[in-house]
Amino acid sequence: MPQDITLSRKAFVLDDHQLFADSFTLLLERYMQFEEVQSFSKAEDLLACMAELGTKEVYVFLDYYLYNDNGLQVFSEIKRLNKKAYIIFITSAVSTSVIRNLILAKPHGILSKSSDVPTMMDVTNRVIKGEISIDQNLQEILSKFDDIPSFTPRELQLLKHFSLGSSISEVAEKMFLSKHTIVAHRRKMMAKADCKSIGQLIRFAHDNELI
């Protein structure tokens, strides 16, 4: 039996695949003995709950790939709302660029969706004990860091919008930014990736599993 070190603690799970979110929630309830675990499929619902919770201690299991959002952008919002939140990314990513972006964000833990229950328990328990924990299944990926450029959460959010076919005006309206700011961000991202067009940039992002 696992130690009851998570007893009386609250956890949230955000994954836009509701079946995974619910299934992972059941695993946490069964093996980690959280007092309460709540699942979300939409980032705005999680953030609203975080705002209502205030600054109480909470453990957030956060997917990297989200339909309308990027996990890193949501990560930033969670940190803004609650400095006491412990955030563990759960990801299916196997790209060095994605894993590097996750590490640079400095979450409390990173867990691969291909892991087993003992690994999930180990990563979570280490985070609860105050350690930074990265799934051993990702170590081989971590050993193969390359020269792929890193992108900020804001840039990844922009890439997501562009990949869905949104125009500069539409992205500016959705993100409450000026069109000039969007153009400047796009130019900077293209320079980072050495791309000559937005089409090349989107292909680069897809090829490296950034979005």
N, C-alpha and C. Protein backbone atom coordinates (compact mmCIF):
# COMPACT_ATOMS: atom_id res chain seq x y z
N MET A 1 0.84 -1.20 0.00
CA MET A 1 0.00 0.00 0.00
C MET A 1 0.87 1.25 0.00
N PRO A 2 0.48 2.28 -0.79
CA PRO A 2 1.26 3.51 -0.79
C PRO A 2 1.09 4.26 0.51
N GLN A 3 2.08 5.06 0.86
CA GLN A 3 1.98 5.86 2.06
C GLN A 3 0.90 6.92 1.87
N ASP A 4 0.24 7.32 2.96
CA ASP A 4 -0.85 8.27 2.89
C ASP A 4 -0.35 9.71 2.93
N ILE A 5 0.74 10.00 2.20
CA ILE A 5 1.31 11.34 2.29
C ILE A 5 0.46 12.36 1.56
N THR A 6 -0.48 11.93 0.73
CA THR A 6 -1.33 12.87 0.00
C THR A 6 -2.67 13.09 0.68
N LEU A 7 -2.90 12.42 1.81
CA LEU A 7 -4.17 12.51 2.49
C LEU A 7 -4.49 13.96 2.81
N SER A 8 -5.75 14.36 2.56
CA SER A 8 -6.30 15.70 2.80
C SER A 8 -5.86 16.72 1.77
N ARG A 9 -5.17 16.29 0.72
CA ARG A 9 -4.76 17.22 -0.32
C ARG A 9 -5.74 17.20 -1.49
N LYS A 10 -5.82 18.31 -2.20
CA LYS A 10 -6.73 18.47 -3.33
C LYS A 10 -5.93 18.41 -4.63
N ALA A 11 -6.53 17.83 -5.67
CA ALA A 11 -5.86 17.76 -6.97
C ALA A 11 -6.84 18.09 -8.09
N PHE A 12 -6.33 18.73 -9.14
CA PHE A 12 -7.09 19.01 -10.34
C PHE A 12 -6.39 18.35 -11.53
N VAL A 13 -7.17 17.90 -12.49
CA VAL A 13 -6.64 17.30 -13.72
C VAL A 13 -7.23 18.06 -14.90
N LEU A 14 -6.38 18.56 -15.80
CA LEU A 14 -6.85 19.22 -17.01
C LEU A 14 -6.33 18.47 -18.23
N ASP A 15 -7.26 17.93 -19.00
CA ASP A 15 -6.94 17.28 -20.28
C ASP A 15 -8.17 17.42 -21.16
N ASP A 16 -8.00 17.90 -22.40
CA ASP A 16 -9.18 18.12 -23.24
C ASP A 16 -9.77 16.84 -23.80
N HIS A 17 -9.15 15.70 -23.50
CA HIS A 17 -9.77 14.40 -23.78
C HIS A 17 -10.44 13.95 -22.48
N GLN A 18 -11.75 14.11 -22.42
CA GLN A 18 -12.48 13.90 -21.17
C GLN A 18 -12.28 12.50 -20.61
N LEU A 19 -12.22 11.49 -21.49
CA LEU A 19 -12.06 10.12 -21.02
C LEU A 19 -10.74 9.95 -20.28
N PHE A 20 -9.66 10.54 -20.83
CA PHE A 20 -8.37 10.45 -20.14
C PHE A 20 -8.43 11.20 -18.82
N ALA A 21 -9.01 12.39 -18.83
CA ALA A 21 -9.08 13.19 -17.60
C ALA A 21 -9.81 12.43 -16.50
N ASP A 22 -10.94 11.82 -16.86
CA ASP A 22 -11.71 11.07 -15.87
C ASP A 22 -10.97 9.82 -15.40
N SER A 23 -10.32 9.13 -16.34
CA SER A 23 -9.59 7.90 -15.99
C SER A 23 -8.40 8.22 -15.08
N PHE A 24 -7.67 9.29 -15.41
CA PHE A 24 -6.53 9.68 -14.60
C PHE A 24 -6.99 10.12 -13.21
N THR A 25 -8.12 10.78 -13.16
CA THR A 25 -8.69 11.18 -11.87
C THR A 25 -8.96 9.96 -10.99
N LEU A 26 -9.50 8.90 -11.58
CA LEU A 26 -9.77 7.67 -10.84
C LEU A 26 -8.49 7.04 -10.32
N LEU A 27 -7.42 7.10 -11.14
CA LEU A 27 -6.13 6.55 -10.71
C LEU A 27 -5.58 7.32 -9.50
N LEU A 28 -5.69 8.65 -9.55
CA LEU A 28 -5.21 9.46 -8.43
C LEU A 28 -6.02 9.16 -7.17
N GLU A 29 -7.33 9.01 -7.31
CA GLU A 29 -8.18 8.73 -6.15
C GLU A 29 -7.85 7.35 -5.56
N ARG A 30 -7.55 6.40 -6.42
CA ARG A 30 -7.32 5.05 -5.94
C ARG A 30 -5.93 4.86 -5.33
N TYR A 31 -4.91 5.41 -6.02
CA TYR A 31 -3.54 5.11 -5.61
C TYR A 31 -2.87 6.22 -4.80
N MET A 32 -3.31 7.45 -4.95
CA MET A 32 -2.64 8.55 -4.25
C MET A 32 -3.43 9.04 -3.05
N GLN A 33 -4.70 8.65 -2.94
CA GLN A 33 -5.51 8.97 -1.77
C GLN A 33 -5.63 10.47 -1.51
N PHE A 34 -5.79 11.23 -2.59
CA PHE A 34 -6.13 12.65 -2.42
C PHE A 34 -7.51 12.74 -1.78
N GLU A 35 -7.70 13.77 -1.00
CA GLU A 35 -9.02 13.98 -0.38
C GLU A 35 -10.06 14.27 -1.45
N GLU A 36 -9.66 15.03 -2.46
CA GLU A 36 -10.58 15.40 -3.54
C GLU A 36 -9.80 15.55 -4.84
N VAL A 37 -10.32 14.96 -5.91
CA VAL A 37 -9.72 15.12 -7.24
C VAL A 37 -10.82 15.52 -8.21
N GLN A 38 -10.57 16.59 -8.94
CA GLN A 38 -11.58 17.10 -9.88
C GLN A 38 -10.97 17.19 -11.27
N SER A 39 -11.71 16.73 -12.28
CA SER A 39 -11.19 16.76 -13.65
C SER A 39 -11.86 17.86 -14.45
N PHE A 40 -11.10 18.39 -15.43
CA PHE A 40 -11.59 19.43 -16.32
C PHE A 40 -11.16 19.10 -17.75
N SER A 41 -12.01 19.46 -18.71
CA SER A 41 -11.64 19.30 -20.11
C SER A 41 -11.42 20.65 -20.79
N LYS A 42 -11.73 21.74 -20.08
CA LYS A 42 -11.55 23.08 -20.64
C LYS A 42 -10.70 23.92 -19.68
N ALA A 43 -9.71 24.61 -20.26
CA ALA A 43 -8.81 25.41 -19.43
C ALA A 43 -9.54 26.50 -18.66
N GLU A 44 -10.53 27.13 -19.30
CA GLU A 44 -11.24 28.22 -18.63
C GLU A 44 -11.98 27.75 -17.39
N ASP A 45 -12.47 26.50 -17.41
CA ASP A 45 -13.16 25.97 -16.24
C ASP A 45 -12.18 25.72 -15.09
N LEU A 46 -11.01 25.18 -15.44
CA LEU A 46 -9.99 24.98 -14.41
C LEU A 46 -9.56 26.30 -13.81
N LEU A 47 -9.29 27.29 -14.64
CA LEU A 47 -8.81 28.58 -14.14
C LEU A 47 -9.86 29.27 -13.28
N ALA A 48 -11.12 29.12 -13.65
CA ALA A 48 -12.19 29.69 -12.83
C ALA A 48 -12.21 29.04 -11.46
N CYS A 49 -12.02 27.73 -11.42
CA CYS A 49 -11.98 27.00 -10.15
C CYS A 49 -10.75 27.41 -9.34
N MET A 50 -9.61 27.61 -10.03
CA MET A 50 -8.40 28.06 -9.35
C MET A 50 -8.61 29.43 -8.71
N ALA A 51 -9.27 30.31 -9.43
CA ALA A 51 -9.52 31.66 -8.91
C ALA A 51 -10.42 31.60 -7.68
N GLU A 52 -11.40 30.70 -7.70
CA GLU A 52 -12.29 30.54 -6.55
C GLU A 52 -11.58 29.91 -5.36
N LEU A 53 -10.64 29.01 -5.64
CA LEU A 53 -9.91 28.33 -4.57
C LEU A 53 -9.00 29.27 -3.80
N GLY A 54 -8.49 30.28 -4.48
CA GLY A 54 -7.58 31.21 -3.81
C GLY A 54 -6.17 30.65 -3.77
N THR A 55 -5.49 30.85 -2.64
CA THR A 55 -4.08 30.44 -2.54
C THR A 55 -3.90 29.19 -1.70
N LYS A 56 -4.91 28.33 -1.66
CA LYS A 56 -4.78 27.08 -0.94
C LYS A 56 -3.89 26.11 -1.74
N GLU A 57 -3.23 25.21 -1.02
CA GLU A 57 -2.35 24.23 -1.67
C GLU A 57 -3.17 23.31 -2.57
N VAL A 58 -2.70 23.10 -3.80
CA VAL A 58 -3.39 22.23 -4.74
C VAL A 58 -2.38 21.64 -5.70
N TYR A 59 -2.65 20.44 -6.18
CA TYR A 59 -1.78 19.77 -7.15
C TYR A 59 -2.52 19.71 -8.48
N VAL A 60 -1.90 20.26 -9.50
CA VAL A 60 -2.53 20.35 -10.81
C VAL A 60 -1.79 19.47 -11.81
N PHE A 61 -2.49 18.53 -12.40
CA PHE A 61 -1.93 17.66 -13.44
C PHE A 61 -2.41 18.22 -14.78
N LEU A 62 -1.47 18.75 -15.55
CA LEU A 62 -1.78 19.60 -16.70
C LEU A 62 -1.27 18.99 -18.00
N ASP A 63 -2.17 18.81 -18.96
CA ASP A 63 -1.77 18.31 -20.27
C ASP A 63 -1.06 19.42 -21.05
N TYR A 64 -0.08 19.02 -21.88
CA TYR A 64 0.61 20.01 -22.71
C TYR A 64 -0.22 20.37 -23.94
N TYR A 65 -0.75 19.37 -24.62
CA TYR A 65 -1.53 19.61 -25.84
C TYR A 65 -2.99 19.84 -25.47
N LEU A 66 -3.48 21.05 -25.74
CA LEU A 66 -4.88 21.39 -25.51
C LEU A 66 -5.44 21.99 -26.80
N TYR A 67 -6.72 21.77 -27.04
CA TYR A 67 -7.29 22.15 -28.33
C TYR A 67 -7.20 23.65 -28.60
N ASN A 68 -7.69 24.45 -27.68
CA ASN A 68 -7.70 25.89 -27.90
C ASN A 68 -6.60 26.63 -27.15
N ASP A 69 -5.84 25.91 -26.36
CA ASP A 69 -4.80 26.53 -25.55
C ASP A 69 -3.53 25.69 -25.61
N ASN A 70 -2.45 26.28 -25.14
CA ASN A 70 -1.21 25.55 -24.96
C ASN A 70 -0.99 25.37 -23.47
N GLY A 71 -0.54 24.18 -23.08
CA GLY A 71 -0.36 23.90 -21.66
C GLY A 71 0.55 24.89 -20.95
N LEU A 72 1.56 25.39 -21.65
CA LEU A 72 2.49 26.33 -21.03
C LEU A 72 1.81 27.66 -20.72
N GLN A 73 0.88 28.08 -21.58
CA GLN A 73 0.15 29.31 -21.31
C GLN A 73 -0.75 29.14 -20.09
N VAL A 74 -1.41 27.99 -20.00
CA VAL A 74 -2.26 27.69 -18.84
C VAL A 74 -1.40 27.60 -17.58
N PHE A 75 -0.22 27.01 -17.72
CA PHE A 75 0.74 26.92 -16.62
C PHE A 75 1.03 28.31 -16.04
N SER A 76 1.28 29.27 -16.92
CA SER A 76 1.57 30.64 -16.48
C SER A 76 0.39 31.24 -15.74
N GLU A 77 -0.82 30.98 -16.23
CA GLU A 77 -2.02 31.51 -15.59
C GLU A 77 -2.23 30.89 -14.20
N ILE A 78 -1.97 29.60 -14.09
CA ILE A 78 -2.10 28.93 -12.79
C ILE A 78 -1.12 29.53 -11.78
N LYS A 79 0.12 29.74 -12.19
CA LYS A 79 1.12 30.33 -11.30
C LYS A 79 0.72 31.74 -10.87
N ARG A 80 0.10 32.48 -11.80
CA ARG A 80 -0.33 33.83 -11.47
C ARG A 80 -1.46 33.80 -10.43
N LEU A 81 -2.35 32.82 -10.56
CA LEU A 81 -3.49 32.74 -9.66
C LEU A 81 -3.14 32.18 -8.28
N ASN A 82 -2.18 31.25 -8.25
CA ASN A 82 -1.91 30.56 -6.98
C ASN A 82 -0.44 30.14 -6.91
N LYS A 83 0.32 30.84 -6.11
CA LYS A 83 1.74 30.53 -5.94
C LYS A 83 1.96 29.20 -5.20
N LYS A 84 0.92 28.69 -4.54
CA LYS A 84 1.05 27.45 -3.80
C LYS A 84 0.66 26.22 -4.62
N ALA A 85 0.34 26.43 -5.89
CA ALA A 85 -0.05 25.31 -6.74
C ALA A 85 1.20 24.52 -7.16
N TYR A 86 1.11 23.21 -7.04
CA TYR A 86 2.16 22.32 -7.52
C TYR A 86 1.71 21.76 -8.87
N ILE A 87 2.49 21.99 -9.90
CA ILE A 87 2.05 21.67 -11.26
C ILE A 87 2.89 20.55 -11.85
N ILE A 88 2.21 19.50 -12.29
CA ILE A 88 2.86 18.36 -12.94
C ILE A 88 2.30 18.24 -14.35
N PHE A 89 3.16 18.39 -15.35
CA PHE A 89 2.72 18.19 -16.73
C PHE A 89 2.55 16.70 -17.00
N ILE A 90 1.47 16.34 -17.66
CA ILE A 90 1.29 14.98 -18.17
C ILE A 90 1.24 15.09 -19.69
N THR A 91 2.11 14.38 -20.37
CA THR A 91 2.23 14.60 -21.80
C THR A 91 2.50 13.33 -22.59
N SER A 92 2.00 13.32 -23.81
CA SER A 92 2.29 12.24 -24.75
C SER A 92 3.45 12.60 -25.65
N ALA A 93 4.03 13.78 -25.45
CA ALA A 93 5.10 14.28 -26.32
C ALA A 93 6.36 13.41 -26.21
N VAL A 94 7.00 13.21 -27.35
CA VAL A 94 8.29 12.53 -27.38
C VAL A 94 9.33 13.38 -28.10
N SER A 95 8.98 14.62 -28.38
CA SER A 95 9.87 15.54 -29.07
C SER A 95 10.81 16.22 -28.08
N THR A 96 12.09 16.28 -28.42
CA THR A 96 13.05 16.96 -27.54
C THR A 96 12.70 18.43 -27.36
N SER A 97 12.17 19.07 -28.40
CA SER A 97 11.83 20.49 -28.31
C SER A 97 10.70 20.72 -27.32
N VAL A 98 9.71 19.83 -27.31
CA VAL A 98 8.59 19.97 -26.37
C VAL A 98 9.07 19.74 -24.94
N ILE A 99 9.81 18.66 -24.72
CA ILE A 99 10.29 18.35 -23.38
C ILE A 99 11.19 19.47 -22.87
N ARG A 100 12.01 20.01 -23.75
CA ARG A 100 12.88 21.13 -23.34
C ARG A 100 12.05 22.34 -22.94
N ASN A 101 11.00 22.66 -23.73
CA ASN A 101 10.14 23.79 -23.37
C ASN A 101 9.47 23.57 -22.01
N LEU A 102 9.08 22.34 -21.75
CA LEU A 102 8.46 22.03 -20.46
C LEU A 102 9.45 22.23 -19.32
N ILE A 103 10.66 21.77 -19.49
CA ILE A 103 11.68 21.91 -18.45
C ILE A 103 12.02 23.37 -18.21
N LEU A 104 12.12 24.14 -19.29
CA LEU A 104 12.45 25.56 -19.16
C LEU A 104 11.36 26.32 -18.39
N ALA A 105 10.13 25.83 -18.44
CA ALA A 105 9.04 26.47 -17.70
C ALA A 105 9.15 26.24 -16.21
N LYS A 106 9.95 25.23 -15.80
CA LYS A 106 10.20 24.90 -14.40
C LYS A 106 8.94 24.46 -13.64
N PRO A 107 8.25 23.43 -14.16
CA PRO A 107 7.15 22.86 -13.37
C PRO A 107 7.71 22.04 -12.22
N HIS A 108 6.85 21.53 -11.39
CA HIS A 108 7.30 20.69 -10.28
C HIS A 108 7.54 19.25 -10.72
N GLY A 109 6.89 18.85 -11.81
CA GLY A 109 7.08 17.49 -12.31
C GLY A 109 6.64 17.35 -13.75
N ILE A 110 7.15 16.31 -14.40
CA ILE A 110 6.73 15.97 -15.77
C ILE A 110 6.51 14.47 -15.81
N LEU A 111 5.33 14.07 -16.28
CA LEU A 111 4.96 12.66 -16.31
C LEU A 111 4.54 12.27 -17.73
N SER A 112 5.11 11.20 -18.24
CA SER A 112 4.74 10.71 -19.57
C SER A 112 3.44 9.92 -19.49
N LYS A 113 2.58 10.11 -20.50
CA LYS A 113 1.33 9.37 -20.55
C LYS A 113 1.57 7.88 -20.85
N SER A 114 2.76 7.53 -21.26
CA SER A 114 3.06 6.12 -21.52
C SER A 114 3.55 5.39 -20.27
N SER A 115 3.61 6.10 -19.14
CA SER A 115 4.12 5.51 -17.90
C SER A 115 3.10 4.60 -17.24
N ASP A 116 3.57 3.83 -16.25
CA ASP A 116 2.69 2.95 -15.50
C ASP A 116 2.32 3.60 -14.16
N VAL A 117 1.47 2.91 -13.41
CA VAL A 117 1.00 3.45 -12.14
C VAL A 117 2.14 3.68 -11.13
N PRO A 118 3.08 2.74 -10.96
CA PRO A 118 4.18 2.99 -10.02
C PRO A 118 4.97 4.26 -10.35
N THR A 119 5.16 4.52 -11.65
CA THR A 119 5.89 5.74 -12.04
C THR A 119 5.07 6.97 -11.71
N MET A 120 3.77 6.93 -11.97
CA MET A 120 2.90 8.05 -11.62
C MET A 120 2.96 8.32 -10.13
N MET A 121 2.94 7.26 -9.33
CA MET A 121 3.01 7.42 -7.88
C MET A 121 4.35 8.00 -7.46
N ASP A 122 5.43 7.52 -8.07
CA ASP A 122 6.77 7.98 -7.71
C ASP A 122 6.94 9.46 -8.02
N VAL A 123 6.55 9.88 -9.23
CA VAL A 123 6.69 11.28 -9.63
C VAL A 123 5.86 12.17 -8.71
N THR A 124 4.62 11.78 -8.46
CA THR A 124 3.74 12.59 -7.62
C THR A 124 4.25 12.68 -6.18
N ASN A 125 4.67 11.56 -5.62
CA ASN A 125 5.18 11.56 -4.25
C ASN A 125 6.44 12.42 -4.11
N ARG A 126 7.30 12.39 -5.10
CA ARG A 126 8.50 13.22 -5.05
C ARG A 126 8.16 14.71 -5.07
N VAL A 127 7.17 15.06 -5.89
CA VAL A 127 6.73 16.47 -5.93
C VAL A 127 6.16 16.88 -4.59
N ILE A 128 5.35 16.02 -3.99
CA ILE A 128 4.76 16.32 -2.68
C ILE A 128 5.84 16.50 -1.61
N LYS A 129 6.94 15.77 -1.74
CA LYS A 129 8.04 15.88 -0.79
C LYS A 129 8.92 17.10 -1.04
N GLY A 130 8.58 17.88 -2.07
CA GLY A 130 9.33 19.10 -2.35
C GLY A 130 10.41 18.95 -3.41
N GLU A 131 10.45 17.82 -4.10
CA GLU A 131 11.45 17.60 -5.14
C GLU A 131 10.91 17.97 -6.51
N ILE A 132 11.82 18.23 -7.44
CA ILE A 132 11.46 18.37 -8.84
C ILE A 132 11.62 16.99 -9.47
N SER A 133 10.56 16.46 -10.05
CA SER A 133 10.60 15.07 -10.50
C SER A 133 10.25 14.96 -11.99
N ILE A 134 11.12 14.30 -12.74
CA ILE A 134 10.91 14.06 -14.16
C ILE A 134 10.86 12.56 -14.40
N ASP A 135 9.82 12.13 -15.06
CA ASP A 135 9.60 10.72 -15.38
C ASP A 135 10.85 10.10 -16.01
N GLN A 136 11.26 8.94 -15.48
CA GLN A 136 12.43 8.24 -16.02
C GLN A 136 12.26 7.87 -17.49
N ASN A 137 11.01 7.69 -17.93
CA ASN A 137 10.75 7.36 -19.32
C ASN A 137 11.16 8.48 -20.27
N LEU A 138 11.35 9.67 -19.73
CA LEU A 138 11.73 10.82 -20.56
C LEU A 138 13.24 11.05 -20.57
N GLN A 139 13.97 10.29 -19.77
CA GLN A 139 15.40 10.54 -19.64
C GLN A 139 16.14 10.37 -20.98
N GLU A 140 15.73 9.37 -21.75
CA GLU A 140 16.39 9.16 -23.04
C GLU A 140 16.16 10.35 -23.97
N ILE A 141 14.95 10.91 -23.92
CA ILE A 141 14.66 12.09 -24.72
C ILE A 141 15.51 13.26 -24.24
N LEU A 142 15.62 13.41 -22.93
CA LEU A 142 16.38 14.52 -22.36
C LEU A 142 17.85 14.46 -22.74
N SER A 143 18.35 13.26 -22.98
CA SER A 143 19.77 13.10 -23.32
C SER A 143 20.04 13.46 -24.78
N LYS A 144 18.99 13.79 -25.52
CA LYS A 144 19.15 14.05 -26.95
C LYS A 144 18.76 15.47 -27.33
N PHE A 145 18.94 16.39 -26.40
CA PHE A 145 18.63 17.79 -26.71
C PHE A 145 19.40 18.23 -27.94
N ASP A 146 18.74 18.97 -28.79
CA ASP A 146 19.39 19.45 -30.01
C ASP A 146 19.30 20.96 -30.07
N ASP A 147 19.50 21.50 -31.27
CA ASP A 147 19.56 22.95 -31.42
C ASP A 147 18.22 23.56 -31.84
N ILE A 148 17.13 22.82 -31.67
CA ILE A 148 15.82 23.37 -32.01
C ILE A 148 15.52 24.54 -31.07
N PRO A 149 15.11 25.69 -31.61
CA PRO A 149 14.88 26.86 -30.76
C PRO A 149 13.70 26.66 -29.81
N SER A 150 13.74 27.36 -28.70
CA SER A 150 12.62 27.30 -27.75
C SER A 150 11.69 28.48 -28.02
N PHE A 151 10.42 28.28 -27.69
CA PHE A 151 9.41 29.32 -27.88
C PHE A 151 8.73 29.61 -26.55
N THR A 152 8.35 30.87 -26.36
CA THR A 152 7.68 31.27 -25.13
C THR A 152 6.23 30.77 -25.15
N PRO A 153 5.57 30.72 -23.98
CA PRO A 153 4.15 30.34 -23.96
C PRO A 153 3.30 31.23 -24.86
N ARG A 154 3.57 32.52 -24.89
CA ARG A 154 2.82 33.43 -25.76
C ARG A 154 3.03 33.08 -27.23
N GLU A 155 4.27 32.78 -27.60
CA GLU A 155 4.55 32.42 -28.99
C GLU A 155 3.88 31.12 -29.38
N LEU A 156 3.86 30.15 -28.47
CA LEU A 156 3.19 28.88 -28.75
C LEU A 156 1.69 29.07 -28.90
N GLN A 157 1.14 29.99 -28.12
CA GLN A 157 -0.29 30.29 -28.24
C GLN A 157 -0.58 30.91 -29.61
N LEU A 158 0.29 31.80 -30.05
CA LEU A 158 0.14 32.39 -31.39
C LEU A 158 0.24 31.33 -32.48
N LEU A 159 1.22 30.43 -32.35
CA LEU A 159 1.38 29.36 -33.32
C LEU A 159 0.11 28.51 -33.42
N LYS A 160 -0.51 28.26 -32.28
CA LYS A 160 -1.73 27.47 -32.26
C LYS A 160 -2.83 28.16 -33.05
N HIS A 161 -3.00 29.45 -32.83
CA HIS A 161 -4.02 30.20 -33.55
C HIS A 161 -3.74 30.22 -35.05
N PHE A 162 -2.49 30.45 -35.43
CA PHE A 162 -2.14 30.47 -36.85
C PHE A 162 -2.37 29.10 -37.49
N SER A 163 -2.08 28.04 -36.76
CA SER A 163 -2.25 26.69 -37.30
C SER A 163 -3.72 26.36 -37.54
N LEU A 164 -4.61 27.04 -36.82
CA LEU A 164 -6.05 26.83 -37.00
C LEU A 164 -6.62 27.72 -38.09
N GLY A 165 -5.75 28.47 -38.76
CA GLY A 165 -6.17 29.29 -39.90
C GLY A 165 -6.60 30.70 -39.56
N SER A 166 -6.37 31.14 -38.34
CA SER A 166 -6.77 32.50 -37.95
C SER A 166 -5.87 33.54 -38.61
N SER A 167 -6.47 34.64 -39.02
CA SER A 167 -5.71 35.74 -39.62
C SER A 167 -5.06 36.58 -38.53
N ILE A 168 -4.18 37.49 -38.94
CA ILE A 168 -3.54 38.39 -37.97
C ILE A 168 -4.58 39.19 -37.20
N SER A 169 -5.59 39.71 -37.91
CA SER A 169 -6.65 40.50 -37.25
C SER A 169 -7.42 39.66 -36.26
N GLU A 170 -7.73 38.41 -36.65
CA GLU A 170 -8.48 37.53 -35.76
C GLU A 170 -7.67 37.17 -34.52
N VAL A 171 -6.38 36.89 -34.71
CA VAL A 171 -5.52 36.55 -33.57
C VAL A 171 -5.39 37.75 -32.64
N ALA A 172 -5.24 38.94 -33.20
CA ALA A 172 -5.12 40.15 -32.39
C ALA A 172 -6.37 40.35 -31.54
N GLU A 173 -7.53 40.10 -32.13
CA GLU A 173 -8.79 40.26 -31.39
C GLU A 173 -8.91 39.21 -30.29
N LYS A 174 -8.56 37.96 -30.58
CA LYS A 174 -8.67 36.88 -29.60
C LYS A 174 -7.72 37.07 -28.42
N MET A 175 -6.53 37.62 -28.71
CA MET A 175 -5.52 37.74 -27.67
C MET A 175 -5.43 39.14 -27.07
N PHE A 176 -6.31 40.03 -27.52
CA PHE A 176 -6.35 41.41 -27.01
C PHE A 176 -5.00 42.11 -27.19
N LEU A 177 -4.42 41.92 -28.37
CA LEU A 177 -3.17 42.56 -28.73
C LEU A 177 -3.36 43.34 -30.02
N SER A 178 -2.44 44.27 -30.30
CA SER A 178 -2.52 45.01 -31.56
C SER A 178 -2.01 44.15 -32.70
N LYS A 179 -2.44 44.47 -33.90
CA LYS A 179 -1.98 43.74 -35.08
C LYS A 179 -0.46 43.91 -35.25
N HIS A 180 0.07 45.08 -34.88
CA HIS A 180 1.51 45.32 -34.98
C HIS A 180 2.28 44.37 -34.05
N THR A 181 1.72 44.14 -32.86
CA THR A 181 2.36 43.22 -31.91
C THR A 181 2.36 41.80 -32.45
N ILE A 182 1.24 41.39 -33.04
CA ILE A 182 1.14 40.05 -33.61
C ILE A 182 2.16 39.88 -34.74
N VAL A 183 2.26 40.87 -35.59
CA VAL A 183 3.22 40.82 -36.70
C VAL A 183 4.65 40.73 -36.18
N ALA A 184 4.95 41.50 -35.13
CA ALA A 184 6.30 41.47 -34.54
C ALA A 184 6.62 40.10 -33.96
N HIS A 185 5.65 39.50 -33.26
CA HIS A 185 5.83 38.15 -32.71
C HIS A 185 6.06 37.15 -33.84
N ARG A 186 5.26 37.26 -34.88
CA ARG A 186 5.37 36.32 -35.99
C ARG A 186 6.74 36.44 -36.66
N ARG A 187 7.20 37.66 -36.85
CA ARG A 187 8.51 37.88 -37.47
C ARG A 187 9.62 37.27 -36.60
N LYS A 188 9.50 37.45 -35.28
CA LYS A 188 10.52 36.91 -34.37
C LYS A 188 10.53 35.38 -34.39
N MET A 189 9.34 34.77 -34.43
CA MET A 189 9.25 33.31 -34.47
C MET A 189 9.82 32.76 -35.77
N MET A 190 9.54 33.42 -36.87
CA MET A 190 10.07 32.98 -38.16
C MET A 190 11.59 33.06 -38.19
N ALA A 191 12.13 34.09 -37.54
CA ALA A 191 13.59 34.23 -37.48
C ALA A 191 14.19 33.12 -36.62
N LYS A 192 13.55 32.80 -35.50
CA LYS A 192 14.03 31.72 -34.63
C LYS A 192 14.12 30.40 -35.38
N ALA A 193 13.07 30.11 -36.16
CA ALA A 193 12.97 28.82 -36.84
C ALA A 193 13.59 28.86 -38.24
N ASP A 194 14.13 30.02 -38.62
CA ASP A 194 14.72 30.19 -39.95
C ASP A 194 13.71 29.84 -41.04
N CYS A 195 12.50 30.37 -40.89
CA CYS A 195 11.43 30.13 -41.86
C CYS A 195 11.14 31.42 -42.64
N LYS A 196 10.76 31.26 -43.89
CA LYS A 196 10.53 32.41 -44.76
C LYS A 196 9.05 32.75 -44.90
N SER A 197 8.17 31.90 -44.42
CA SER A 197 6.73 32.15 -44.54
C SER A 197 6.02 31.56 -43.33
N ILE A 198 4.77 32.00 -43.13
CA ILE A 198 4.00 31.47 -42.01
C ILE A 198 3.69 30.00 -42.23
N GLY A 199 3.53 29.59 -43.49
CA GLY A 199 3.30 28.18 -43.79
C GLY A 199 4.47 27.31 -43.36
N GLN A 200 5.70 27.77 -43.63
CA GLN A 200 6.89 27.05 -43.20
C GLN A 200 6.96 26.99 -41.68
N LEU A 201 6.60 28.09 -41.04
CA LEU A 201 6.65 28.14 -39.57
C LEU A 201 5.67 27.14 -38.96
N ILE A 202 4.47 27.05 -39.52
CA ILE A 202 3.48 26.11 -39.00
C ILE A 202 3.94 24.67 -39.23
N ARG A 203 4.53 24.40 -40.41
CA ARG A 203 5.06 23.06 -40.66
C ARG A 203 6.18 22.73 -39.68
N PHE A 204 7.04 23.71 -39.41
CA PHE A 204 8.12 23.53 -38.44
C PHE A 204 7.55 23.17 -37.07
N ALA A 205 6.50 23.90 -36.66
CA ALA A 205 5.88 23.65 -35.35
C ALA A 205 5.27 22.26 -35.28
N HIS A 206 4.60 21.84 -36.35
CA HIS A 206 4.00 20.50 -36.38
C HIS A 206 5.09 19.42 -36.42
N ASP A 207 6.12 19.63 -37.23
CA ASP A 207 7.19 18.62 -37.35
C ASP A 207 7.89 18.38 -36.02
N ASN A 208 7.97 19.44 -35.21
CA ASN A 208 8.65 19.32 -33.92
C ASN A 208 7.68 19.17 -32.75
N GLU A 209 6.40 18.89 -33.10
CA GLU A 209 5.36 18.60 -32.11
C GLU A 209 5.15 19.72 -31.10
N LEU A 210 5.40 20.95 -31.54
CA LEU A 210 5.22 22.08 -30.63
C LEU A 210 3.75 22.41 -30.44
N ILE A 211 2.93 22.09 -31.44
CA ILE A 211 1.49 22.34 -31.37
C ILE A 211 0.73 21.11 -31.82
